[in-house]
Amino acid sequence: MAVLATTNPTLADVAAMLDPNGEIATIVEILKTSSNDVLSSLTFQEGNLPTGHQSSVRTGIPTPTWRKLYGGVQPTAGSVAKVVDSIGMLEDYAEVDKALADLNGNTAAFRMQEDTAHLQGMNDTMASTLFYGNEGVTPEAFTGLSPRFNSLGAANGLNIIDAGGTGSDNTSIWLCVWGPTTGFGIYPKGSRAGLQREDKGQVTIENVDGAGGRMEAYRTHYRWDVGLSIRDWRYFVRIANIDVSDLSVAANQAKLVDYMIMATERIPSFGVGRAAFYCNRGVREKLRLGMLSKTAYNLSWESVEGKRVLTFDDIPVYRTDALLNSEARVV
């Protein structure tokens, strides 16, 4: 796994390389403890712009020519498009009563413990944006996966599998192959993985009780500059229109396995990055029940980087509650 971490580093790998003191790495580990386990597989790369990343997105493959002796070859060119992906600034302030923090002996450790909820909230927000962010609606955020894979008739509609749900209680399963030539998370050029932590020290909070009262507190400012770049849509598959209410039927649970097999066959090659399935807890529950009823033979438990992980054909299946059960039908 060391080679994989070097060529396709997750945020934890990047933090370890850029922050030898361990402060940012500690923040990343806390971020990973939330119910949105996307940071275990999402790879990151430094953007080539202070506020984003410009890349060439492959939109067509050149066609070579068979040549005979003394025959000529016509030069060809693939088609590419220049794309600039933006980085959003996600920020939060954590505040804790000074008297309470000082009571616990190790003030710094207690503050970090209290800050955990704020960091998990940041991860939840980032994960939601990863799947549903839309700069057309929220310009200050970044554009996630769903707005990029939202039409069966688009060019990348080939990588959208229609699970047949027609109502508004749908969800999706995503198969992503993260890598430098496929797609990756981005952080600003010259930053420490896009993460900042500033200890503001002791501050006076005014009107803390809504009646003009004041309180002495410790304040910490957190900032996460993060975005998403998709260079080759062929390495991302959305199983859309999964009707949540229909999953109570065993036959429909078994269909999930069929769709996941179809998704793997859409991927040109798995050797270019980190592959991962993402689904919410309801869908993963049905997949695990399929293991018990012997309708999901492709699923098993494996050890991935020292952790017990559910896998499908050796691809980790991660749970992320950022994926909603209220998606509109993709048409």
C-alpha atoms as a PDB file:
ATOM      1  CA  MET A   1       0.000   0.000   0.000  1.00  0.00           C
ATOM      2  CA  ALA A   2       2.994   2.330   0.332  1.00  0.00           C
ATOM      3  CA  VAL A   3       3.289   2.755  -3.431  1.00  0.00           C
ATOM      4  CA  LEU A   4      -0.445   3.435  -3.683  1.00  0.00           C
ATOM      5  CA  ALA A   5      -0.198   6.099  -0.992  1.00  0.00           C
ATOM      6  CA  THR A   6       2.698   7.747  -2.818  1.00  0.00           C
ATOM      7  CA  THR A   7       1.071   7.864  -6.229  1.00  0.00           C
ATOM      8  CA  ASN A   8      -2.534   8.307  -5.077  1.00  0.00           C
ATOM      9  CA  PRO A   9      -2.329  10.015  -1.655  1.00  0.00           C
ATOM     10  CA  THR A  10      -5.374  10.542   0.513  1.00  0.00           C
ATOM     11  CA  LEU A  11      -5.683  13.690   2.610  1.00  0.00           C
ATOM     12  CA  ALA A  12      -4.047  11.852   5.526  1.00  0.00           C
ATOM     13  CA  ASP A  13      -1.077  10.932   3.320  1.00  0.00           C
ATOM     14  CA  VAL A  14      -0.731  14.528   2.120  1.00  0.00           C
ATOM     15  CA  ALA A  15      -0.933  15.887   5.653  1.00  0.00           C
ATOM     16  CA  ALA A  16       1.753  13.489   6.833  1.00  0.00           C
ATOM     17  CA  MET A  17       4.082  14.650   4.068  1.00  0.00           C
ATOM     18  CA  LEU A  18       3.452  18.392   4.436  1.00  0.00           C
ATOM     19  CA  ASP A  19       3.137  18.659   8.202  1.00  0.00           C
ATOM     20  CA  PRO A  20       5.983  16.910  10.052  1.00  0.00           C
ATOM     21  CA  ASN A  21       4.782  18.372  13.378  1.00  0.00           C
ATOM     22  CA  GLY A  22       1.570  16.370  13.133  1.00  0.00           C
ATOM     23  CA  GLU A  23      -0.944  19.130  13.849  1.00  0.00           C
ATOM     24  CA  ILE A  24      -2.737  18.947  10.507  1.00  0.00           C
ATOM     25  CA  ALA A  25      -2.480  15.143  10.490  1.00  0.00           C
ATOM     26  CA  THR A  26      -4.319  15.084  13.824  1.00  0.00           C
ATOM     27  CA  ILE A  27      -7.096  17.235  12.371  1.00  0.00           C
ATOM     28  CA  VAL A  28      -7.417  14.885   9.385  1.00  0.00           C
ATOM     29  CA  GLU A  29      -7.726  11.857  11.669  1.00  0.00           C
ATOM     30  CA  ILE A  30     -10.545  13.568  13.578  1.00  0.00           C
ATOM     31  CA  LEU A  31     -12.243  14.494  10.296  1.00  0.00           C
ATOM     32  CA  LYS A  32     -12.176  10.822   9.295  1.00  0.00           C
ATOM     33  CA  THR A  33     -14.131   9.727  12.378  1.00  0.00           C
ATOM     34  CA  SER A  34     -17.481  11.054  11.143  1.00  0.00           C
ATOM     35  CA  SER A  35     -20.229   8.962   9.523  1.00  0.00           C
ATOM     36  CA  ASN A  36     -19.064  10.102   6.072  1.00  0.00           C
ATOM     37  CA  ASP A  37     -16.136   7.848   5.311  1.00  0.00           C
ATOM     38  CA  VAL A  38     -14.999   9.479   2.084  1.00  0.00           C
ATOM     39  CA  LEU A  39     -11.592  10.637   3.299  1.00  0.00           C
ATOM     40  CA  SER A  40     -10.403   7.018   3.525  1.00  0.00           C
ATOM     41  CA  SER A  41     -10.296   6.764  -0.263  1.00  0.00           C
ATOM     42  CA  LEU A  42     -10.616  10.219  -1.856  1.00  0.00           C
ATOM     43  CA  THR A  43      -7.179  11.181  -3.145  1.00  0.00           C
ATOM     44  CA  PHE A  44      -5.895  14.742  -3.112  1.00  0.00           C
ATOM     45  CA  GLN A  45      -3.579  16.824  -5.244  1.00  0.00           C
ATOM     46  CA  GLU A  46      -2.260  20.348  -4.888  1.00  0.00           C
ATOM     47  CA  GLY A  47      -4.045  22.719  -7.242  1.00  0.00           C
ATOM     48  CA  ASN A  48      -2.024  24.702  -9.756  1.00  0.00           C
ATOM     49  CA  LEU A  49      -3.906  27.886  -8.888  1.00  0.00           C
ATOM     50  CA  PRO A  50      -4.263  29.705  -5.539  1.00  0.00           C
ATOM     51  CA  THR A  51      -8.051  29.343  -5.732  1.00  0.00           C
ATOM     52  CA  GLY A  52      -8.529  26.272  -7.913  1.00  0.00           C
ATOM     53  CA  HIS A  53      -7.076  23.916 -10.465  1.00  0.00           C
ATOM     54  CA  GLN A  54      -6.893  24.170 -14.257  1.00  0.00           C
ATOM     55  CA  SER A  55      -6.697  20.918 -16.147  1.00  0.00           C
ATOM     56  CA  SER A  56      -7.180  19.427 -19.585  1.00  0.00           C
ATOM     57  CA  VAL A  57     -10.192  17.139 -19.600  1.00  0.00           C
ATOM     58  CA  ARG A  58     -10.129  14.357 -22.162  1.00  0.00           C
ATOM     59  CA  THR A  59     -13.252  14.444 -24.342  1.00  0.00           C
ATOM     60  CA  GLY A  60     -12.099  12.217 -27.196  1.00  0.00           C
ATOM     61  CA  ILE A  61      -9.495   9.532 -27.943  1.00  0.00           C
ATOM     62  CA  PRO A  62      -7.274   9.800 -31.051  1.00  0.00           C
ATOM     63  CA  THR A  63      -7.483   6.989 -33.611  1.00  0.00           C
ATOM     64  CA  PRO A  64      -4.132   5.568 -34.817  1.00  0.00           C
ATOM     65  CA  THR A  65      -3.426   4.230 -38.300  1.00  0.00           C
ATOM     66  CA  TRP A  66      -2.202   0.833 -39.461  1.00  0.00           C
ATOM     67  CA  ARG A  67       0.838   1.543 -41.680  1.00  0.00           C
ATOM     68  CA  LYS A  68       2.368  -0.611 -44.383  1.00  0.00           C
ATOM     69  CA  LEU A  69       5.913  -0.302 -45.691  1.00  0.00           C
ATOM     70  CA  TYR A  70       6.400   2.981 -47.514  1.00  0.00           C
ATOM     71  CA  GLY A  71       2.888   3.965 -46.559  1.00  0.00           C
ATOM     72  CA  GLY A  72       1.979   7.195 -44.826  1.00  0.00           C
ATOM     73  CA  VAL A  73       0.295   7.885 -41.507  1.00  0.00           C
ATOM     74  CA  GLN A  74      -2.081  10.778 -41.040  1.00  0.00           C
ATOM     75  CA  PRO A  75      -1.415  12.638 -37.778  1.00  0.00           C
ATOM     76  CA  THR A  76      -4.340  12.586 -35.371  1.00  0.00           C
ATOM     77  CA  ALA A  77      -5.267  14.498 -32.277  1.00  0.00           C
ATOM     78  CA  GLY A  78      -7.522  13.668 -29.388  1.00  0.00           C
ATOM     79  CA  SER A  79      -9.985  16.250 -28.196  1.00  0.00           C
ATOM     80  CA  VAL A  80      -9.539  17.974 -24.860  1.00  0.00           C
ATOM     81  CA  ALA A  81     -11.227  20.839 -23.057  1.00  0.00           C
ATOM     82  CA  LYS A  82      -9.709  23.286 -20.603  1.00  0.00           C
ATOM     83  CA  VAL A  83     -11.549  23.254 -17.282  1.00  0.00           C
ATOM     84  CA  VAL A  84     -10.987  25.302 -14.131  1.00  0.00           C
ATOM     85  CA  ASP A  85     -12.340  23.741 -10.941  1.00  0.00           C
ATOM     86  CA  SER A  86     -12.906  26.067  -8.008  1.00  0.00           C
ATOM     87  CA  ILE A  87     -11.943  25.630  -4.370  1.00  0.00           C
ATOM     88  CA  GLY A  88     -14.388  26.513  -1.619  1.00  0.00           C
ATOM     89  CA  MET A  89     -13.502  27.849   1.830  1.00  0.00           C
ATOM     90  CA  LEU A  90     -15.190  25.932   4.637  1.00  0.00           C
ATOM     91  CA  GLU A  91     -14.759  27.605   8.032  1.00  0.00           C
ATOM     92  CA  ASP A  92     -15.887  27.217  11.628  1.00  0.00           C
ATOM     93  CA  TYR A  93     -15.121  28.593  15.095  1.00  0.00           C
ATOM     94  CA  ALA A  94     -14.954  26.324  18.126  1.00  0.00           C
ATOM     95  CA  GLU A  95     -15.465  27.932  21.536  1.00  0.00           C
ATOM     96  CA  VAL A  96     -15.301  26.358  24.985  1.00  0.00           C
ATOM     97  CA  ASP A  97     -15.884  27.847  28.429  1.00  0.00           C
ATOM     98  CA  LYS A  98     -12.448  28.705  29.873  1.00  0.00           C
ATOM     99  CA  ALA A  99     -13.399  27.655  33.408  1.00  0.00           C
ATOM    100  CA  LEU A 100     -14.580  24.249  32.213  1.00  0.00           C
ATOM    101  CA  ALA A 101     -11.463  23.672  30.106  1.00  0.00           C
ATOM    102  CA  ASP A 102      -9.140  24.627  32.952  1.00  0.00           C
ATOM    103  CA  LEU A 103     -10.897  22.238  35.348  1.00  0.00           C
ATOM    104  CA  ASN A 104      -9.722  19.250  33.340  1.00  0.00           C
ATOM    105  CA  GLY A 105      -5.992  19.677  33.971  1.00  0.00           C
ATOM    106  CA  ASN A 106      -4.886  19.296  30.324  1.00  0.00           C
ATOM    107  CA  THR A 107      -6.565  22.317  28.782  1.00  0.00           C
ATOM    108  CA  ALA A 108      -5.222  21.741  25.260  1.00  0.00           C
ATOM    109  CA  ALA A 109      -6.381  18.112  25.141  1.00  0.00           C
ATOM    110  CA  PHE A 110      -9.833  19.040  26.455  1.00  0.00           C
ATOM    111  CA  ARG A 111     -10.210  21.777  23.835  1.00  0.00           C
ATOM    112  CA  MET A 112      -9.288  19.388  21.030  1.00  0.00           C
ATOM    113  CA  GLN A 113     -11.784  16.868  22.390  1.00  0.00           C
ATOM    114  CA  GLU A 114     -14.519  19.522  22.371  1.00  0.00           C
ATOM    115  CA  ASP A 115     -13.499  20.620  18.872  1.00  0.00           C
ATOM    116  CA  THR A 116     -14.164  17.125  17.520  1.00  0.00           C
ATOM    117  CA  ALA A 117     -17.850  17.848  16.895  1.00  0.00           C
ATOM    118  CA  HIS A 118     -16.965  20.942  14.863  1.00  0.00           C
ATOM    119  CA  LEU A 119     -14.487  18.997  12.725  1.00  0.00           C
ATOM    120  CA  GLN A 120     -16.965  16.195  12.140  1.00  0.00           C
ATOM    121  CA  GLY A 121     -19.507  18.798  11.073  1.00  0.00           C
ATOM    122  CA  MET A 122     -16.992  20.134   8.561  1.00  0.00           C
ATOM    123  CA  ASN A 123     -16.453  16.642   7.157  1.00  0.00           C
ATOM    124  CA  ASP A 124     -20.220  16.101   6.877  1.00  0.00           C
ATOM    125  CA  THR A 125     -20.563  19.380   4.975  1.00  0.00           C
ATOM    126  CA  MET A 126     -17.652  18.561   2.677  1.00  0.00           C
ATOM    127  CA  ALA A 127     -19.024  15.076   1.957  1.00  0.00           C
ATOM    128  CA  SER A 128     -22.436  16.513   1.118  1.00  0.00           C
ATOM    129  CA  THR A 129     -20.802  19.026  -1.225  1.00  0.00           C
ATOM    130  CA  LEU A 130     -18.693  16.273  -2.797  1.00  0.00           C
ATOM    131  CA  PHE A 131     -21.887  14.604  -4.015  1.00  0.00           C
ATOM    132  CA  TYR A 132     -24.340  17.487  -4.378  1.00  0.00           C
ATOM    133  CA  GLY A 133     -22.399  20.779  -4.451  1.00  0.00           C
ATOM    134  CA  ASN A 134     -23.390  23.104  -7.282  1.00  0.00           C
ATOM    135  CA  GLU A 135     -21.620  26.418  -7.857  1.00  0.00           C
ATOM    136  CA  GLY A 136     -24.602  27.574  -9.880  1.00  0.00           C
ATOM    137  CA  VAL A 137     -26.686  27.423  -6.700  1.00  0.00           C
ATOM    138  CA  THR A 138     -23.997  28.010  -4.059  1.00  0.00           C
ATOM    139  CA  PRO A 139     -21.164  29.979  -5.715  1.00  0.00           C
ATOM    140  CA  GLU A 140     -18.980  29.929  -2.595  1.00  0.00           C
ATOM    141  CA  ALA A 141     -18.818  26.099  -2.569  1.00  0.00           C
ATOM    142  CA  PHE A 142     -17.415  23.705  -5.193  1.00  0.00           C
ATOM    143  CA  THR A 143     -19.245  21.578  -7.742  1.00  0.00           C
ATOM    144  CA  GLY A 144     -19.628  17.931  -6.742  1.00  0.00           C
ATOM    145  CA  LEU A 145     -20.378  14.725  -8.611  1.00  0.00           C
ATOM    146  CA  SER A 146     -24.172  14.754  -9.023  1.00  0.00           C
ATOM    147  CA  PRO A 147     -24.366  17.973 -11.096  1.00  0.00           C
ATOM    148  CA  ARG A 148     -21.725  16.491 -13.387  1.00  0.00           C
ATOM    149  CA  PHE A 149     -23.632  13.194 -13.814  1.00  0.00           C
ATOM    150  CA  ASN A 150     -27.253  14.343 -13.970  1.00  0.00           C
ATOM    151  CA  SER A 151     -28.527  13.455 -17.451  1.00  0.00           C
ATOM    152  CA  LEU A 152     -28.920  10.066 -19.119  1.00  0.00           C
ATOM    153  CA  GLY A 153     -28.721  11.811 -22.477  1.00  0.00           C
ATOM    154  CA  ALA A 154     -25.385  13.545 -21.844  1.00  0.00           C
ATOM    155  CA  ALA A 155     -22.083  12.245 -23.168  1.00  0.00           C
ATOM    156  CA  ASN A 156     -21.252  10.826 -19.740  1.00  0.00           C
ATOM    157  CA  GLY A 157     -24.748   9.349 -19.519  1.00  0.00           C
ATOM    158  CA  LEU A 158     -23.086   6.079 -20.514  1.00  0.00           C
ATOM    159  CA  ASN A 159     -21.793   5.966 -16.942  1.00  0.00           C
ATOM    160  CA  ILE A 160     -25.188   6.566 -15.332  1.00  0.00           C
ATOM    161  CA  ILE A 161     -27.049   3.329 -14.643  1.00  0.00           C
ATOM    162  CA  ASP A 162     -30.807   3.770 -14.277  1.00  0.00           C
ATOM    163  CA  ALA A 163     -32.094   1.607 -11.413  1.00  0.00           C
ATOM    164  CA  GLY A 164     -35.695   2.345 -12.398  1.00  0.00           C
ATOM    165  CA  GLY A 165     -36.984   4.473  -9.503  1.00  0.00           C
ATOM    166  CA  THR A 166     -39.590   6.972 -10.684  1.00  0.00           C
ATOM    167  CA  GLY A 167     -40.531   8.845  -7.521  1.00  0.00           C
ATOM    168  CA  SER A 168     -38.697  11.354  -5.349  1.00  0.00           C
ATOM    169  CA  ASP A 169     -37.438   8.858  -2.736  1.00  0.00           C
ATOM    170  CA  ASN A 170     -34.388   7.796  -4.705  1.00  0.00           C
ATOM    171  CA  THR A 171     -30.746   7.428  -3.795  1.00  0.00           C
ATOM    172  CA  SER A 172     -27.519   6.589  -5.640  1.00  0.00           C
ATOM    173  CA  ILE A 173     -24.512   4.324  -5.368  1.00  0.00           C
ATOM    174  CA  TRP A 174     -21.277   5.771  -6.715  1.00  0.00           C
ATOM    175  CA  LEU A 175     -18.240   3.938  -8.042  1.00  0.00           C
ATOM    176  CA  CYS A 176     -15.207   6.212  -8.213  1.00  0.00           C
ATOM    177  CA  VAL A 177     -11.639   5.541  -9.248  1.00  0.00           C
ATOM    178  CA  TRP A 178      -9.607   8.359  -7.737  1.00  0.00           C
ATOM    179  CA  GLY A 179      -6.244   9.137  -9.313  1.00  0.00           C
ATOM    180  CA  PRO A 180      -4.126  11.890 -10.894  1.00  0.00           C
ATOM    181  CA  THR A 181      -5.456  11.193 -14.416  1.00  0.00           C
ATOM    182  CA  THR A 182      -9.071  10.453 -13.431  1.00  0.00           C
ATOM    183  CA  GLY A 183     -10.308  12.693 -10.607  1.00  0.00           C
ATOM    184  CA  PHE A 184      -9.173  13.930  -7.219  1.00  0.00           C
ATOM    185  CA  GLY A 185      -9.763  16.396  -4.432  1.00  0.00           C
ATOM    186  CA  ILE A 186      -7.822  19.642  -4.694  1.00  0.00           C
ATOM    187  CA  TYR A 187      -6.373  22.083  -2.200  1.00  0.00           C
ATOM    188  CA  PRO A 188      -4.791  25.520  -2.836  1.00  0.00           C
ATOM    189  CA  LYS A 189      -1.330  25.843  -4.275  1.00  0.00           C
ATOM    190  CA  GLY A 190       1.272  26.282  -1.557  1.00  0.00           C
ATOM    191  CA  SER A 191      -1.017  25.326   1.355  1.00  0.00           C
ATOM    192  CA  ARG A 192      -0.713  22.561   3.959  1.00  0.00           C
ATOM    193  CA  ALA A 193      -3.326  20.256   2.442  1.00  0.00           C
ATOM    194  CA  GLY A 194      -5.795  23.171   2.498  1.00  0.00           C
ATOM    195  CA  LEU A 195      -6.238  22.892   6.269  1.00  0.00           C
ATOM    196  CA  GLN A 196      -5.636  25.654   8.805  1.00  0.00           C
ATOM    197  CA  ARG A 197      -6.030  25.738  12.568  1.00  0.00           C
ATOM    198  CA  GLU A 198      -5.500  28.989  14.481  1.00  0.00           C
ATOM    199  CA  ASP A 199      -5.660  29.142  18.255  1.00  0.00           C
ATOM    200  CA  LYS A 200      -7.265  32.488  19.068  1.00  0.00           C
ATOM    201  CA  GLY A 201      -6.559  31.973  22.769  1.00  0.00           C
ATOM    202  CA  GLN A 202      -8.696  33.491  25.495  1.00  0.00           C
ATOM    203  CA  VAL A 203     -11.535  35.730  24.305  1.00  0.00           C
ATOM    204  CA  THR A 204     -14.532  37.423  25.878  1.00  0.00           C
ATOM    205  CA  ILE A 205     -17.850  36.328  24.385  1.00  0.00           C
ATOM    206  CA  GLU A 206     -20.539  38.951  24.759  1.00  0.00           C
ATOM    207  CA  ASN A 207     -24.277  38.353  25.165  1.00  0.00           C
ATOM    208  CA  VAL A 208     -23.613  34.673  25.734  1.00  0.00           C
ATOM    209  CA  ASP A 209     -26.949  34.201  27.506  1.00  0.00           C
ATOM    210  CA  GLY A 210     -29.014  36.496  25.273  1.00  0.00           C
ATOM    211  CA  ALA A 211     -29.358  38.950  28.134  1.00  0.00           C
ATOM    212  CA  GLY A 212     -26.087  40.871  27.796  1.00  0.00           C
ATOM    213  CA  GLY A 213     -23.965  38.448  29.839  1.00  0.00           C
ATOM    214  CA  ARG A 214     -20.295  37.807  29.082  1.00  0.00           C
ATOM    215  CA  MET A 215     -18.134  34.695  29.294  1.00  0.00           C
ATOM    216  CA  GLU A 216     -14.415  34.023  29.114  1.00  0.00           C
ATOM    217  CA  ALA A 217     -13.711  31.301  26.560  1.00  0.00           C
ATOM    218  CA  TYR A 218     -11.029  29.679  24.457  1.00  0.00           C
ATOM    219  CA  ARG A 219     -11.588  30.054  20.701  1.00  0.00           C
ATOM    220  CA  THR A 220     -10.142  28.080  17.778  1.00  0.00           C
ATOM    221  CA  HIS A 221     -10.620  28.931  14.115  1.00  0.00           C
ATOM    222  CA  TYR A 222     -10.693  26.118  11.552  1.00  0.00           C
ATOM    223  CA  ARG A 223     -10.559  26.526   7.803  1.00  0.00           C
ATOM    224  CA  TRP A 224     -10.616  23.893   5.067  1.00  0.00           C
ATOM    225  CA  ASP A 225      -9.985  24.967   1.472  1.00  0.00           C
ATOM    226  CA  VAL A 226     -11.121  22.084  -0.713  1.00  0.00           C
ATOM    227  CA  GLY A 227     -12.473  21.368  -4.176  1.00  0.00           C
ATOM    228  CA  LEU A 228     -12.940  18.600  -6.750  1.00  0.00           C
ATOM    229  CA  SER A 229     -11.423  18.024 -10.189  1.00  0.00           C
ATOM    230  CA  ILE A 230     -12.774  15.373 -12.600  1.00  0.00           C
ATOM    231  CA  ARG A 231     -10.395  14.813 -15.502  1.00  0.00           C
ATOM    232  CA  ASP A 232     -11.891  11.678 -17.064  1.00  0.00           C
ATOM    233  CA  TRP A 233     -15.587  10.923 -16.513  1.00  0.00           C
ATOM    234  CA  ARG A 234     -15.153   7.339 -17.695  1.00  0.00           C
ATOM    235  CA  TYR A 235     -13.773   6.422 -14.254  1.00  0.00           C
ATOM    236  CA  PHE A 236     -16.891   7.476 -12.362  1.00  0.00           C
ATOM    237  CA  VAL A 237     -20.195   5.617 -12.421  1.00  0.00           C
ATOM    238  CA  ARG A 238     -23.472   6.643 -10.827  1.00  0.00           C
ATOM    239  CA  ILE A 239     -26.118   4.018 -10.115  1.00  0.00           C
ATOM    240  CA  ALA A 240     -29.027   6.429  -9.963  1.00  0.00           C
ATOM    241  CA  ASN A 241     -32.760   6.170  -9.332  1.00  0.00           C
ATOM    242  CA  ILE A 242     -32.541   3.507  -6.623  1.00  0.00           C
ATOM    243  CA  ASP A 243     -36.041   3.498  -5.113  1.00  0.00           C
ATOM    244  CA  VAL A 244     -35.467   3.326  -1.362  1.00  0.00           C
ATOM    245  CA  SER A 245     -38.959   2.069  -0.526  1.00  0.00           C
ATOM    246  CA  ASP A 246     -38.571  -0.846  -2.949  1.00  0.00           C
ATOM    247  CA  LEU A 247     -35.471  -2.186  -1.196  1.00  0.00           C
ATOM    248  CA  SER A 248     -37.589  -3.954   1.405  1.00  0.00           C
ATOM    249  CA  VAL A 249     -38.202  -6.623  -1.258  1.00  0.00           C
ATOM    250  CA  ALA A 250     -35.446  -9.230  -1.428  1.00  0.00           C
ATOM    251  CA  ALA A 251     -35.510  -9.348  -5.233  1.00  0.00           C
ATOM    252  CA  ASN A 252     -34.787  -5.628  -5.402  1.00  0.00           C
ATOM    253  CA  GLN A 253     -31.935  -6.037  -2.931  1.00  0.00           C
ATOM    254  CA  ALA A 254     -30.420  -8.616  -5.272  1.00  0.00           C
ATOM    255  CA  LYS A 255     -30.700  -6.158  -8.169  1.00  0.00           C
ATOM    256  CA  LEU A 256     -28.266  -3.864  -6.368  1.00  0.00           C
ATOM    257  CA  VAL A 257     -25.587  -6.487  -6.958  1.00  0.00           C
ATOM    258  CA  ASP A 258     -26.478  -6.598 -10.671  1.00  0.00           C
ATOM    259  CA  TYR A 259     -26.136  -2.822 -10.922  1.00  0.00           C
ATOM    260  CA  MET A 260     -22.793  -2.853  -9.103  1.00  0.00           C
ATOM    261  CA  ILE A 261     -21.474  -5.472 -11.518  1.00  0.00           C
ATOM    262  CA  MET A 262     -22.614  -3.287 -14.394  1.00  0.00           C
ATOM    263  CA  ALA A 263     -20.834  -0.320 -12.821  1.00  0.00           C
ATOM    264  CA  THR A 264     -17.519  -2.153 -12.614  1.00  0.00           C
ATOM    265  CA  GLU A 265     -17.753  -3.015 -16.298  1.00  0.00           C
ATOM    266  CA  ARG A 266     -18.063   0.690 -17.175  1.00  0.00           C
ATOM    267  CA  ILE A 267     -14.582   1.396 -15.762  1.00  0.00           C
ATOM    268  CA  PRO A 268     -11.811   1.198 -18.434  1.00  0.00           C
ATOM    269  CA  SER A 269      -9.095   0.131 -15.975  1.00  0.00           C
ATOM    270  CA  PHE A 270      -8.837  -0.165 -12.206  1.00  0.00           C
ATOM    271  CA  GLY A 271      -5.052   0.101 -12.180  1.00  0.00           C
ATOM    272  CA  VAL A 272      -4.919   3.889 -12.416  1.00  0.00           C
ATOM    273  CA  GLY A 273      -6.094   4.829  -8.927  1.00  0.00           C
ATOM    274  CA  ARG A 274      -8.036   4.034  -5.760  1.00  0.00           C
ATOM    275  CA  ALA A 275     -11.419   2.469  -6.505  1.00  0.00           C
ATOM    276  CA  ALA A 276     -14.290   2.805  -4.042  1.00  0.00           C
ATOM    277  CA  PHE A 277     -18.048   2.349  -3.886  1.00  0.00           C
ATOM    278  CA  TYR A 278     -20.089   4.840  -1.834  1.00  0.00           C
ATOM    279  CA  CYS A 279     -23.619   4.319  -0.519  1.00  0.00           C
ATOM    280  CA  ASN A 280     -25.640   5.403   2.484  1.00  0.00           C
ATOM    281  CA  ARG A 281     -26.354   3.261   5.530  1.00  0.00           C
ATOM    282  CA  GLY A 282     -29.742   2.054   4.263  1.00  0.00           C
ATOM    283  CA  VAL A 283     -28.317   0.697   1.018  1.00  0.00           C
ATOM    284  CA  ARG A 284     -25.298  -0.862   2.697  1.00  0.00           C
ATOM    285  CA  GLU A 285     -27.621  -2.546   5.185  1.00  0.00           C
ATOM    286  CA  LYS A 286     -29.488  -4.180   2.306  1.00  0.00           C
ATOM    287  CA  LEU A 287     -26.217  -5.292   0.738  1.00  0.00           C
ATOM    288  CA  ARG A 288     -25.118  -6.940   3.980  1.00  0.00           C
ATOM    289  CA  LEU A 289     -28.494  -8.663   4.321  1.00  0.00           C
ATOM    290  CA  GLY A 290     -27.907  -9.973   0.825  1.00  0.00           C
ATOM    291  CA  MET A 291     -24.712 -11.589   2.088  1.00  0.00           C
ATOM    292  CA  LEU A 292     -26.745 -13.479   4.697  1.00  0.00           C
ATOM    293  CA  SER A 293     -29.397 -14.585   2.214  1.00  0.00           C
ATOM    294  CA  LYS A 294     -26.729 -15.710  -0.282  1.00  0.00           C
ATOM    295  CA  THR A 295     -27.889 -13.258  -2.964  1.00  0.00           C
ATOM    296  CA  ALA A 296     -24.733 -11.141  -2.826  1.00  0.00           C
ATOM    297  CA  TYR A 297     -21.835 -13.512  -3.398  1.00  0.00           C
ATOM    298  CA  ASN A 298     -19.596 -10.672  -4.651  1.00  0.00           C
ATOM    299  CA  LEU A 299     -19.546  -9.088  -1.186  1.00  0.00           C
ATOM    300  CA  SER A 300     -17.036 -10.001   1.498  1.00  0.00           C
ATOM    301  CA  TRP A 301     -15.097  -8.559   4.409  1.00  0.00           C
ATOM    302  CA  GLU A 302     -11.452  -7.797   3.698  1.00  0.00           C
ATOM    303  CA  SER A 303      -8.568  -6.068   5.434  1.00  0.00           C
ATOM    304  CA  VAL A 304      -7.796  -2.759   3.714  1.00  0.00           C
ATOM    305  CA  GLU A 305      -4.787  -0.884   5.137  1.00  0.00           C
ATOM    306  CA  GLY A 306      -5.233  -2.668   8.432  1.00  0.00           C
ATOM    307  CA  LYS A 307      -8.988  -2.070   8.730  1.00  0.00           C
ATOM    308  CA  ARG A 308     -11.912  -4.470   8.262  1.00  0.00           C
ATOM    309  CA  VAL A 309     -13.814  -3.155   5.241  1.00  0.00           C
ATOM    310  CA  LEU A 310     -16.814  -4.414   3.284  1.00  0.00           C
ATOM    311  CA  THR A 311     -15.744  -5.049  -0.311  1.00  0.00           C
ATOM    312  CA  PHE A 312     -17.432  -5.835  -3.614  1.00  0.00           C
ATOM    313  CA  ASP A 313     -15.179  -7.683  -6.048  1.00  0.00           C
ATOM    314  CA  ASP A 314     -12.234  -6.448  -3.922  1.00  0.00           C
ATOM    315  CA  ILE A 315     -13.432  -2.828  -4.142  1.00  0.00           C
ATOM    316  CA  PRO A 316     -14.129  -1.178  -0.752  1.00  0.00           C
ATOM    317  CA  VAL A 317     -17.760  -0.237  -0.109  1.00  0.00           C
ATOM    318  CA  TYR A 318     -17.799   2.845   2.113  1.00  0.00           C
ATOM    319  CA  ARG A 319     -20.791   4.223   3.971  1.00  0.00           C
ATOM    320  CA  THR A 320     -21.530   7.910   3.646  1.00  0.00           C
ATOM    321  CA  ASP A 321     -24.689   9.386   5.080  1.00  0.00           C
ATOM    322  CA  ALA A 322     -24.179  12.392   2.824  1.00  0.00           C
ATOM    323  CA  LEU A 323     -25.998  10.408   0.119  1.00  0.00           C
ATOM    324  CA  LEU A 324     -29.670  11.266   0.456  1.00  0.00           C
ATOM    325  CA  ASN A 325     -32.829   9.176   0.137  1.00  0.00           C
ATOM    326  CA  SER A 326     -34.632  12.112  -1.469  1.00  0.00           C
ATOM    327  CA  GLU A 327     -32.873  12.476  -4.803  1.00  0.00           C
ATOM    328  CA  ALA A 328     -34.969  13.532  -7.773  1.00  0.00           C
ATOM    329  CA  ARG A 329     -35.166  11.093 -10.676  1.00  0.00           C
ATOM    330  CA  VAL A 330     -32.261  11.337 -13.140  1.00  0.00           C
ATOM    331  CA  VAL A 331     -33.610  11.366 -16.686  1.00  0.00           C
END
